[in-house]
Amino acid sequence: MNKEEALQQWLDEIGDVEYAYDFSGKKIKRSDFEVQNQVGWIISYIKPLKLGGPQDKSNSIIMHYRTAEEKGLHYPKFTIVDKAYTICHDQTDDFYYIERVINEDED
């Protein structure tokens, strides 16, 4: 994905703001696409392509580059900073999403 497409996805998903947080809580900055710093981000595939995930927007998500490294090829469950996540697939509308697993003691 090129920078123009990535910035359009930022606008579609996050809006017209310079800073935001990815699903794991890491701060990201719109102008730092593909920059490996404290606020750099990428577009990553929710279900890894190597595991059969589609290469389209229905399977992509904005995340901090470190979040992507921590998630790696884990599917459908993974952990980031002691928080568990599950990747889900909405078959009706055919898209993937990440859901945080809440433990009983977190309610």
Foldseek 3Di string as FASTA:
>chain_A
DDLVVVLVVCCVPPNPDQWDAFPVGQIAGSVQDPPQDSHYKYKAFLQHVVNPGDPDPLGIDIHHPVVCVQCDNDPQWHDDPNWIKGWDADPVVGHIDIDTDDDPVRD
